[in-house]
Amino acid sequence: MTDEVWNTERLHGHFAQSLRVSEMYYDSETEHQRLKVFQNGTFGRVLTLDDVVQTTEGDNFIYHEMLTHVPLLAHGAAKHVLIIGGGDGGIAREVLKHASVEHVTMVEIDAGVVDFSRKYLPMLSQGAFDDARLNLVIDDGAAFMKATRDTFDVIIVDSTDPIGPGEVLFTDTFYGHAARALSAEGIIVTQNGVPFMQGDELTNTMRAFQTLFADASCYLATIPTYVGGPMALGWGSHSTKGRDIDLAKLEARFAAADLRPDYYTPAVHKAAFALPGYVQKLFP
């Protein structure tokens, strides 16, 4: 008889992953979802929503760096950034490393996620919530996007999967409002799941993006706890300049920003847009 405790994620119909729980720090159900934070011997502290892994102490840097530095360095002059979701603070942490960013609006539907992330996962936000440039708004991301009349240079949609509260962040209506809120050379990036397992997510987003943006594509990053292959990060822009940036200019911007990331490099940035055949086939 074993007394081991495992957290099993059953996001996919025929495939699951389990992480051993060394110690449970937090387990509570909010109005929107069940939140857990526990210790794992490989990944450190792990955050799950309804048992689905959202981020971990060990590998979060890959996701957060790629969802942030790719659009910001491609844009090159982003001053106003909007984050939809991201209640753990990891995206805000990376955005605020860019000294050129003057103001960040972060919209999170669940105040509970922010509160317990600050308490149980402070290594993810690293003080980002206390930065004077950050304006935290507790609101539904889709409602905020519909109502806002502000314009943003970069919009980062750090959503959960299209289940429950995150579902509205994958709709054509939401993307349409986001397109209106982007500046002329603005860039939107989105979390679009693991295309080998969740191909419909990417197909549906790309169908909307191809209608709304002059440049619509995706790029890839491999995050160990997002299982089933590399994750697709959607890319949309009213301009083709961002994705067309040459490596030398990207390297110069990267050097000037002095970011010191653990995953992102300008070469990885460029290579991430080289898509394997099975991903290309998911485009409408």
C-alpha atoms as a PDB file:
ATOM      1  CA  MET A   1       0.000   0.000   0.000  1.00  0.00           C
ATOM      2  CA  THR A   2       1.485   3.320  -1.054  1.00  0.00           C
ATOM      3  CA  ASP A   3       0.732   6.704   0.457  1.00  0.00           C
ATOM      4  CA  GLU A   4       2.098   8.610  -2.539  1.00  0.00           C
ATOM      5  CA  VAL A   5      -0.144  11.395  -3.808  1.00  0.00           C
ATOM      6  CA  TRP A   6      -0.222  12.266  -7.512  1.00  0.00           C
ATOM      7  CA  ASN A   7      -1.960  15.077  -9.358  1.00  0.00           C
ATOM      8  CA  THR A   8      -3.330  13.691 -12.611  1.00  0.00           C
ATOM      9  CA  GLU A   9      -4.202  16.021 -15.471  1.00  0.00           C
ATOM     10  CA  ARG A  10      -6.807  14.644 -17.856  1.00  0.00           C
ATOM     11  CA  LEU A  11      -7.033  17.535 -20.283  1.00  0.00           C
ATOM     12  CA  HIS A  12      -7.008  15.229 -23.318  1.00  0.00           C
ATOM     13  CA  GLY A  13      -9.427  12.398 -23.977  1.00  0.00           C
ATOM     14  CA  HIS A  14      -6.877   9.625 -24.441  1.00  0.00           C
ATOM     15  CA  PHE A  15      -3.767  10.951 -22.740  1.00  0.00           C
ATOM     16  CA  ALA A  16      -2.915  12.080 -19.215  1.00  0.00           C
ATOM     17  CA  GLN A  17       0.077  13.207 -17.203  1.00  0.00           C
ATOM     18  CA  SER A  18       0.731  12.828 -13.500  1.00  0.00           C
ATOM     19  CA  LEU A  19       2.971  14.825 -11.188  1.00  0.00           C
ATOM     20  CA  ARG A  20       3.882  13.521  -7.759  1.00  0.00           C
ATOM     21  CA  VAL A  21       2.753  15.799  -4.934  1.00  0.00           C
ATOM     22  CA  SER A  22       5.512  16.042  -2.338  1.00  0.00           C
ATOM     23  CA  GLU A  23       3.655  18.656  -0.320  1.00  0.00           C
ATOM     24  CA  MET A  24       0.325  20.436  -0.838  1.00  0.00           C
ATOM     25  CA  TYR A  25       0.557  24.164  -0.070  1.00  0.00           C
ATOM     26  CA  TYR A  26      -2.853  25.360  -1.227  1.00  0.00           C
ATOM     27  CA  ASP A  27      -6.086  23.682  -2.310  1.00  0.00           C
ATOM     28  CA  SER A  28      -9.197  25.790  -2.554  1.00  0.00           C
ATOM     29  CA  GLU A  29     -12.156  26.240  -4.871  1.00  0.00           C
ATOM     30  CA  THR A  30     -13.017  29.792  -5.904  1.00  0.00           C
ATOM     31  CA  GLU A  31     -16.084  31.056  -7.736  1.00  0.00           C
ATOM     32  CA  HIS A  32     -14.393  30.236 -11.037  1.00  0.00           C
ATOM     33  CA  GLN A  33     -12.118  27.215 -10.566  1.00  0.00           C
ATOM     34  CA  ARG A  34     -10.240  24.932  -8.156  1.00  0.00           C
ATOM     35  CA  LEU A  35      -6.755  26.182  -7.424  1.00  0.00           C
ATOM     36  CA  LYS A  36      -3.871  24.088  -6.176  1.00  0.00           C
ATOM     37  CA  VAL A  37      -0.229  24.790  -5.462  1.00  0.00           C
ATOM     38  CA  PHE A  38       1.964  21.836  -4.576  1.00  0.00           C
ATOM     39  CA  GLN A  39       5.616  20.820  -4.497  1.00  0.00           C
ATOM     40  CA  ASN A  40       7.049  18.415  -7.077  1.00  0.00           C
ATOM     41  CA  GLY A  41      10.551  16.968  -6.967  1.00  0.00           C
ATOM     42  CA  THR A  42      11.329  17.842 -10.598  1.00  0.00           C
ATOM     43  CA  PHE A  43       9.416  21.060 -11.254  1.00  0.00           C
ATOM     44  CA  GLY A  44       9.340  22.695  -7.814  1.00  0.00           C
ATOM     45  CA  ARG A  45       6.119  24.505  -7.022  1.00  0.00           C
ATOM     46  CA  VAL A  46       3.280  23.722  -9.425  1.00  0.00           C
ATOM     47  CA  LEU A  47       0.082  25.720 -10.021  1.00  0.00           C
ATOM     48  CA  THR A  48      -2.967  23.848 -11.329  1.00  0.00           C
ATOM     49  CA  LEU A  49      -6.478  25.021 -12.174  1.00  0.00           C
ATOM     50  CA  ASP A  50      -8.992  22.177 -12.054  1.00  0.00           C
ATOM     51  CA  ASP A  51      -5.982  19.810 -11.968  1.00  0.00           C
ATOM     52  CA  VAL A  52      -4.619  21.141 -15.278  1.00  0.00           C
ATOM     53  CA  VAL A  53      -1.034  22.409 -14.985  1.00  0.00           C
ATOM     54  CA  GLN A  54      -0.834  26.151 -15.584  1.00  0.00           C
ATOM     55  CA  THR A  55       2.751  26.909 -14.653  1.00  0.00           C
ATOM     56  CA  THR A  56       5.622  25.564 -12.596  1.00  0.00           C
ATOM     57  CA  GLU A  57       8.585  27.018 -10.785  1.00  0.00           C
ATOM     58  CA  GLY A  58      10.901  24.855 -12.874  1.00  0.00           C
ATOM     59  CA  ASP A  59       9.881  25.461 -16.484  1.00  0.00           C
ATOM     60  CA  ASN A  60       7.753  28.631 -16.473  1.00  0.00           C
ATOM     61  CA  PHE A  61      10.623  30.691 -17.860  1.00  0.00           C
ATOM     62  CA  ILE A  62      10.260  29.108 -21.298  1.00  0.00           C
ATOM     63  CA  TYR A  63       6.613  30.008 -21.741  1.00  0.00           C
ATOM     64  CA  HIS A  64       6.842  33.449 -20.155  1.00  0.00           C
ATOM     65  CA  GLU A  65       9.961  34.500 -22.039  1.00  0.00           C
ATOM     66  CA  MET A  66       8.671  33.363 -25.419  1.00  0.00           C
ATOM     67  CA  LEU A  67       5.205  34.859 -25.022  1.00  0.00           C
ATOM     68  CA  THR A  68       6.779  38.168 -23.991  1.00  0.00           C
ATOM     69  CA  HIS A  69      10.165  38.824 -25.583  1.00  0.00           C
ATOM     70  CA  VAL A  70       9.182  37.657 -29.071  1.00  0.00           C
ATOM     71  CA  PRO A  71       6.488  40.343 -29.608  1.00  0.00           C
ATOM     72  CA  LEU A  72       8.250  43.063 -27.610  1.00  0.00           C
ATOM     73  CA  LEU A  73      11.592  42.741 -29.379  1.00  0.00           C
ATOM     74  CA  ALA A  74       9.918  42.253 -32.757  1.00  0.00           C
ATOM     75  CA  HIS A  75       7.983  45.481 -32.231  1.00  0.00           C
ATOM     76  CA  GLY A  76      11.023  47.348 -30.960  1.00  0.00           C
ATOM     77  CA  ALA A  77       9.239  50.380 -29.514  1.00  0.00           C
ATOM     78  CA  ALA A  78       6.355  49.052 -27.426  1.00  0.00           C
ATOM     79  CA  LYS A  79       5.349  51.453 -24.681  1.00  0.00           C
ATOM     80  CA  HIS A  80       1.845  50.283 -23.794  1.00  0.00           C
ATOM     81  CA  VAL A  81       1.243  46.574 -23.176  1.00  0.00           C
ATOM     82  CA  LEU A  82      -1.953  44.704 -22.334  1.00  0.00           C
ATOM     83  CA  ILE A  83      -1.886  41.321 -20.613  1.00  0.00           C
ATOM     84  CA  ILE A  84      -5.099  39.285 -20.569  1.00  0.00           C
ATOM     85  CA  GLY A  85      -4.894  36.646 -17.839  1.00  0.00           C
ATOM     86  CA  GLY A  86      -1.501  35.907 -16.374  1.00  0.00           C
ATOM     87  CA  GLY A  87      -2.613  36.039 -12.751  1.00  0.00           C
ATOM     88  CA  ASP A  88       0.532  34.278 -11.571  1.00  0.00           C
ATOM     89  CA  GLY A  89       2.564  37.353 -12.588  1.00  0.00           C
ATOM     90  CA  GLY A  90       5.072  35.592 -14.809  1.00  0.00           C
ATOM     91  CA  ILE A  91       4.197  37.498 -17.980  1.00  0.00           C
ATOM     92  CA  ALA A  92       4.183  40.808 -16.111  1.00  0.00           C
ATOM     93  CA  ARG A  93       7.610  39.923 -14.700  1.00  0.00           C
ATOM     94  CA  GLU A  94       9.080  39.512 -18.179  1.00  0.00           C
ATOM     95  CA  VAL A  95       7.295  42.506 -19.734  1.00  0.00           C
ATOM     96  CA  LEU A  96       8.528  44.802 -16.984  1.00  0.00           C
ATOM     97  CA  LYS A  97      12.138  43.794 -17.653  1.00  0.00           C
ATOM     98  CA  HIS A  98      11.845  46.002 -20.748  1.00  0.00           C
ATOM     99  CA  ALA A  99      12.757  49.494 -19.570  1.00  0.00           C
ATOM    100  CA  SER A 100      11.161  50.950 -22.692  1.00  0.00           C
ATOM    101  CA  VAL A 101       7.693  49.781 -21.590  1.00  0.00           C
ATOM    102  CA  GLU A 102       5.939  52.678 -19.885  1.00  0.00           C
ATOM    103  CA  HIS A 103       2.620  51.153 -18.866  1.00  0.00           C
ATOM    104  CA  VAL A 104       1.230  47.639 -18.467  1.00  0.00           C
ATOM    105  CA  THR A 105      -2.456  46.866 -18.021  1.00  0.00           C
ATOM    106  CA  MET A 106      -3.091  43.366 -16.699  1.00  0.00           C
ATOM    107  CA  VAL A 107      -6.656  42.002 -16.707  1.00  0.00           C
ATOM    108  CA  GLU A 108      -7.275  38.906 -14.599  1.00  0.00           C
ATOM    109  CA  ILE A 109     -10.746  37.497 -14.000  1.00  0.00           C
ATOM    110  CA  ASP A 110      -9.953  35.825 -10.683  1.00  0.00           C
ATOM    111  CA  ALA A 111      -8.501  37.899  -7.855  1.00  0.00           C
ATOM    112  CA  GLY A 112      -7.902  34.660  -5.981  1.00  0.00           C
ATOM    113  CA  VAL A 113      -5.271  33.607  -8.503  1.00  0.00           C
ATOM    114  CA  VAL A 114      -3.330  36.821  -7.925  1.00  0.00           C
ATOM    115  CA  ASP A 115      -3.641  36.651  -4.159  1.00  0.00           C
ATOM    116  CA  PHE A 116      -2.434  33.122  -3.729  1.00  0.00           C
ATOM    117  CA  SER A 117       0.225  33.472  -6.425  1.00  0.00           C
ATOM    118  CA  ARG A 118       1.727  36.377  -4.503  1.00  0.00           C
ATOM    119  CA  LYS A 119       1.716  34.249  -1.377  1.00  0.00           C
ATOM    120  CA  TYR A 120       2.625  30.797  -2.681  1.00  0.00           C
ATOM    121  CA  LEU A 121       4.418  31.538  -5.987  1.00  0.00           C
ATOM    122  CA  PRO A 122       6.339  34.773  -5.391  1.00  0.00           C
ATOM    123  CA  MET A 123       9.231  33.433  -7.473  1.00  0.00           C
ATOM    124  CA  LEU A 124       7.031  33.771 -10.554  1.00  0.00           C
ATOM    125  CA  SER A 125       6.114  37.445 -10.222  1.00  0.00           C
ATOM    126  CA  GLN A 126       9.376  38.571  -8.577  1.00  0.00           C
ATOM    127  CA  GLY A 127       7.824  41.842  -7.411  1.00  0.00           C
ATOM    128  CA  ALA A 128       6.007  42.642 -10.661  1.00  0.00           C
ATOM    129  CA  PHE A 129       2.735  43.398  -8.854  1.00  0.00           C
ATOM    130  CA  ASP A 130       4.479  46.187  -6.950  1.00  0.00           C
ATOM    131  CA  ASP A 131       5.900  47.878 -10.065  1.00  0.00           C
ATOM    132  CA  ALA A 132       4.414  51.360 -10.515  1.00  0.00           C
ATOM    133  CA  ARG A 133       4.024  50.734 -14.247  1.00  0.00           C
ATOM    134  CA  LEU A 134       1.544  47.882 -13.683  1.00  0.00           C
ATOM    135  CA  ASN A 135      -2.200  48.510 -13.482  1.00  0.00           C
ATOM    136  CA  LEU A 136      -3.982  45.358 -12.279  1.00  0.00           C
ATOM    137  CA  VAL A 137      -7.635  45.157 -13.296  1.00  0.00           C
ATOM    138  CA  ILE A 138      -9.864  42.397 -11.922  1.00  0.00           C
ATOM    139  CA  ASP A 139     -12.348  41.854 -14.729  1.00  0.00           C
ATOM    140  CA  ASP A 140     -13.402  39.432 -17.414  1.00  0.00           C
ATOM    141  CA  GLY A 141     -10.837  39.762 -20.212  1.00  0.00           C
ATOM    142  CA  ALA A 142     -13.430  39.607 -22.989  1.00  0.00           C
ATOM    143  CA  ALA A 143     -15.597  42.286 -21.330  1.00  0.00           C
ATOM    144  CA  PHE A 144     -12.568  44.532 -20.819  1.00  0.00           C
ATOM    145  CA  MET A 145     -11.465  44.125 -24.422  1.00  0.00           C
ATOM    146  CA  LYS A 146     -14.922  44.998 -25.699  1.00  0.00           C
ATOM    147  CA  ALA A 147     -15.173  48.104 -23.528  1.00  0.00           C
ATOM    148  CA  THR A 148     -11.661  49.544 -23.721  1.00  0.00           C
ATOM    149  CA  ARG A 149     -10.923  52.480 -25.979  1.00  0.00           C
ATOM    150  CA  ASP A 150      -7.215  52.434 -25.198  1.00  0.00           C
ATOM    151  CA  THR A 151      -4.647  51.447 -27.796  1.00  0.00           C
ATOM    152  CA  PHE A 152      -1.855  48.983 -27.110  1.00  0.00           C
ATOM    153  CA  ASP A 153       1.413  48.222 -28.876  1.00  0.00           C
ATOM    154  CA  VAL A 154       1.475  44.618 -27.706  1.00  0.00           C
ATOM    155  CA  ILE A 155      -1.391  42.449 -26.441  1.00  0.00           C
ATOM    156  CA  ILE A 156      -0.451  39.188 -24.698  1.00  0.00           C
ATOM    157  CA  VAL A 157      -3.268  36.703 -24.133  1.00  0.00           C
ATOM    158  CA  ASP A 158      -2.056  34.387 -21.370  1.00  0.00           C
ATOM    159  CA  SER A 159      -5.246  32.364 -21.154  1.00  0.00           C
ATOM    160  CA  THR A 160      -6.166  28.965 -19.824  1.00  0.00           C
ATOM    161  CA  ASP A 161      -7.411  26.389 -22.325  1.00  0.00           C
ATOM    162  CA  PRO A 162     -10.798  27.139 -23.964  1.00  0.00           C
ATOM    163  CA  ILE A 163     -12.714  25.532 -21.118  1.00  0.00           C
ATOM    164  CA  GLY A 164     -14.736  27.440 -18.516  1.00  0.00           C
ATOM    165  CA  PRO A 165     -13.658  31.066 -17.910  1.00  0.00           C
ATOM    166  CA  GLY A 166     -11.015  30.945 -20.665  1.00  0.00           C
ATOM    167  CA  GLU A 167     -13.397  29.904 -23.444  1.00  0.00           C
ATOM    168  CA  VAL A 168     -14.443  33.440 -24.422  1.00  0.00           C
ATOM    169  CA  LEU A 169     -10.797  34.372 -25.060  1.00  0.00           C
ATOM    170  CA  PHE A 170     -10.742  32.113 -28.130  1.00  0.00           C
ATOM    171  CA  THR A 171     -13.720  33.621 -29.961  1.00  0.00           C
ATOM    172  CA  ASP A 172     -13.809  35.650 -33.162  1.00  0.00           C
ATOM    173  CA  THR A 173     -15.575  38.422 -31.229  1.00  0.00           C
ATOM    174  CA  PHE A 174     -12.767  38.698 -28.695  1.00  0.00           C
ATOM    175  CA  TYR A 175     -10.118  38.718 -31.418  1.00  0.00           C
ATOM    176  CA  GLY A 176     -12.050  41.390 -33.302  1.00  0.00           C
ATOM    177  CA  HIS A 177     -12.057  43.707 -30.286  1.00  0.00           C
ATOM    178  CA  ALA A 178      -8.342  42.981 -29.769  1.00  0.00           C
ATOM    179  CA  ALA A 179      -7.593  43.930 -33.379  1.00  0.00           C
ATOM    180  CA  ARG A 180      -9.334  47.272 -32.847  1.00  0.00           C
ATOM    181  CA  ALA A 181      -7.274  47.926 -29.713  1.00  0.00           C
ATOM    182  CA  LEU A 182      -3.924  47.308 -31.421  1.00  0.00           C
ATOM    183  CA  SER A 183      -1.794  50.194 -32.669  1.00  0.00           C
ATOM    184  CA  ALA A 184      -0.875  50.405 -36.360  1.00  0.00           C
ATOM    185  CA  GLU A 185       2.212  48.225 -35.923  1.00  0.00           C
ATOM    186  CA  GLY A 186       0.892  46.424 -32.868  1.00  0.00           C
ATOM    187  CA  ILE A 187       1.276  42.695 -32.224  1.00  0.00           C
ATOM    188  CA  ILE A 188      -1.011  40.249 -30.449  1.00  0.00           C
ATOM    189  CA  VAL A 189       0.259  36.889 -29.222  1.00  0.00           C
ATOM    190  CA  THR A 190      -1.890  34.113 -27.808  1.00  0.00           C
ATOM    191  CA  GLN A 191      -1.623  30.778 -26.042  1.00  0.00           C
ATOM    192  CA  ASN A 192      -2.930  28.211 -28.518  1.00  0.00           C
ATOM    193  CA  GLY A 193      -2.247  24.899 -26.868  1.00  0.00           C
ATOM    194  CA  VAL A 194      -0.222  21.950 -28.084  1.00  0.00           C
ATOM    195  CA  PRO A 195      -1.166  21.555 -31.768  1.00  0.00           C
ATOM    196  CA  PHE A 196      -0.463  17.820 -31.893  1.00  0.00           C
ATOM    197  CA  MET A 197      -3.137  17.335 -29.236  1.00  0.00           C
ATOM    198  CA  GLN A 198      -5.292  20.459 -29.654  1.00  0.00           C
ATOM    199  CA  GLY A 199      -5.157  21.286 -33.346  1.00  0.00           C
ATOM    200  CA  ASP A 200      -8.604  22.885 -33.439  1.00  0.00           C
ATOM    201  CA  GLU A 201      -7.440  25.661 -31.104  1.00  0.00           C
ATOM    202  CA  LEU A 202      -4.789  26.794 -33.560  1.00  0.00           C
ATOM    203  CA  THR A 203      -7.005  26.344 -36.620  1.00  0.00           C
ATOM    204  CA  ASN A 204      -9.812  28.442 -35.149  1.00  0.00           C
ATOM    205  CA  THR A 205      -7.468  31.211 -34.016  1.00  0.00           C
ATOM    206  CA  MET A 206      -5.665  31.339 -37.361  1.00  0.00           C
ATOM    207  CA  ARG A 207      -8.979  31.505 -39.219  1.00  0.00           C
ATOM    208  CA  ALA A 208      -9.893  34.605 -37.222  1.00  0.00           C
ATOM    209  CA  PHE A 209      -6.407  36.125 -37.442  1.00  0.00           C
ATOM    210  CA  GLN A 210      -6.240  35.727 -41.223  1.00  0.00           C
ATOM    211  CA  THR A 211      -9.386  37.847 -41.497  1.00  0.00           C
ATOM    212  CA  LEU A 212      -8.322  40.483 -38.975  1.00  0.00           C
ATOM    213  CA  PHE A 213      -4.584  40.967 -39.509  1.00  0.00           C
ATOM    214  CA  ALA A 214      -2.141  41.690 -42.313  1.00  0.00           C
ATOM    215  CA  ASP A 215       0.186  39.103 -40.783  1.00  0.00           C
ATOM    216  CA  ALA A 216      -1.176  35.948 -39.137  1.00  0.00           C
ATOM    217  CA  SER A 217       0.912  33.009 -38.049  1.00  0.00           C
ATOM    218  CA  CYS A 218       2.201  31.203 -34.988  1.00  0.00           C
ATOM    219  CA  TYR A 219       5.499  30.217 -33.447  1.00  0.00           C
ATOM    220  CA  LEU A 220       6.516  27.301 -31.241  1.00  0.00           C
ATOM    221  CA  ALA A 221       8.079  26.710 -27.841  1.00  0.00           C
ATOM    222  CA  THR A 222       8.605  23.430 -26.013  1.00  0.00           C
ATOM    223  CA  ILE A 223       7.573  23.519 -22.352  1.00  0.00           C
ATOM    224  CA  PRO A 224       8.005  20.166 -20.554  1.00  0.00           C
ATOM    225  CA  THR A 225       4.808  20.275 -18.479  1.00  0.00           C
ATOM    226  CA  TYR A 226       2.648  21.253 -21.480  1.00  0.00           C
ATOM    227  CA  VAL A 227       2.767  17.729 -22.794  1.00  0.00           C
ATOM    228  CA  GLY A 228       2.224  16.341 -26.253  1.00  0.00           C
ATOM    229  CA  GLY A 229       4.770  18.304 -28.272  1.00  0.00           C
ATOM    230  CA  PRO A 230       5.648  21.978 -28.727  1.00  0.00           C
ATOM    231  CA  MET A 231       3.123  24.657 -27.805  1.00  0.00           C
ATOM    232  CA  ALA A 232       1.780  27.020 -30.452  1.00  0.00           C
ATOM    233  CA  LEU A 233       1.787  30.732 -29.683  1.00  0.00           C
ATOM    234  CA  GLY A 234      -0.454  32.665 -32.039  1.00  0.00           C
ATOM    235  CA  TRP A 235       0.811  35.795 -33.796  1.00  0.00           C
ATOM    236  CA  GLY A 236      -1.236  38.574 -35.341  1.00  0.00           C
ATOM    237  CA  SER A 237      -0.265  42.062 -36.497  1.00  0.00           C
ATOM    238  CA  HIS A 238      -1.562  44.876 -38.666  1.00  0.00           C
ATOM    239  CA  SER A 239       1.971  45.140 -40.059  1.00  0.00           C
ATOM    240  CA  THR A 240       4.389  42.602 -41.541  1.00  0.00           C
ATOM    241  CA  LYS A 241       7.400  44.433 -40.097  1.00  0.00           C
ATOM    242  CA  GLY A 242       7.476  42.561 -36.802  1.00  0.00           C
ATOM    243  CA  ARG A 243       7.832  39.040 -38.160  1.00  0.00           C
ATOM    244  CA  ASP A 244      10.075  40.168 -41.023  1.00  0.00           C
ATOM    245  CA  ILE A 245      12.729  41.670 -38.741  1.00  0.00           C
ATOM    246  CA  ASP A 246      16.210  40.458 -39.647  1.00  0.00           C
ATOM    247  CA  LEU A 247      18.442  38.668 -37.173  1.00  0.00           C
ATOM    248  CA  ALA A 248      21.038  41.444 -36.925  1.00  0.00           C
ATOM    249  CA  LYS A 249      18.445  44.042 -35.902  1.00  0.00           C
ATOM    250  CA  LEU A 250      16.917  41.591 -33.446  1.00  0.00           C
ATOM    251  CA  GLU A 251      20.326  40.917 -31.900  1.00  0.00           C
ATOM    252  CA  ALA A 252      20.933  44.657 -31.509  1.00  0.00           C
ATOM    253  CA  ARG A 253      17.603  45.180 -29.751  1.00  0.00           C
ATOM    254  CA  PHE A 254      18.238  42.164 -27.542  1.00  0.00           C
ATOM    255  CA  ALA A 255      21.659  43.449 -26.501  1.00  0.00           C
ATOM    256  CA  ALA A 256      20.266  46.903 -25.730  1.00  0.00           C
ATOM    257  CA  ALA A 257      17.441  45.456 -23.617  1.00  0.00           C
ATOM    258  CA  ASP A 258      19.890  43.538 -21.375  1.00  0.00           C
ATOM    259  CA  LEU A 259      17.289  40.887 -20.516  1.00  0.00           C
ATOM    260  CA  ARG A 260      19.492  37.892 -19.638  1.00  0.00           C
ATOM    261  CA  PRO A 261      16.852  35.223 -20.254  1.00  0.00           C
ATOM    262  CA  ASP A 262      17.315  31.477 -19.810  1.00  0.00           C
ATOM    263  CA  TYR A 263      15.524  30.301 -22.981  1.00  0.00           C
ATOM    264  CA  TYR A 264      14.989  33.181 -25.391  1.00  0.00           C
ATOM    265  CA  THR A 265      17.706  34.160 -27.840  1.00  0.00           C
ATOM    266  CA  PRO A 266      17.359  36.081 -31.117  1.00  0.00           C
ATOM    267  CA  ALA A 267      18.231  32.899 -33.031  1.00  0.00           C
ATOM    268  CA  VAL A 268      15.556  30.935 -31.166  1.00  0.00           C
ATOM    269  CA  HIS A 269      13.134  33.793 -31.888  1.00  0.00           C
ATOM    270  CA  LYS A 270      13.654  33.492 -35.639  1.00  0.00           C
ATOM    271  CA  ALA A 271      13.689  29.684 -35.627  1.00  0.00           C
ATOM    272  CA  ALA A 272      10.451  29.475 -33.648  1.00  0.00           C
ATOM    273  CA  PHE A 273       8.511  30.612 -36.728  1.00  0.00           C
ATOM    274  CA  ALA A 274       9.824  27.655 -38.784  1.00  0.00           C
ATOM    275  CA  LEU A 275       6.804  25.369 -38.551  1.00  0.00           C
ATOM    276  CA  PRO A 276       6.744  21.602 -39.100  1.00  0.00           C
ATOM    277  CA  GLY A 277       4.410  20.246 -41.737  1.00  0.00           C
ATOM    278  CA  TYR A 278       1.732  18.966 -39.382  1.00  0.00           C
ATOM    279  CA  VAL A 279       1.395  22.445 -37.844  1.00  0.00           C
ATOM    280  CA  GLN A 280       1.258  24.163 -41.255  1.00  0.00           C
ATOM    281  CA  LYS A 281      -1.585  21.814 -42.228  1.00  0.00           C
ATOM    282  CA  LEU A 282      -3.646  23.164 -39.332  1.00  0.00           C
ATOM    283  CA  PHE A 283      -3.802  26.603 -40.957  1.00  0.00           C
ATOM    284  CA  PRO A 284      -7.103  27.214 -42.789  1.00  0.00           C
END
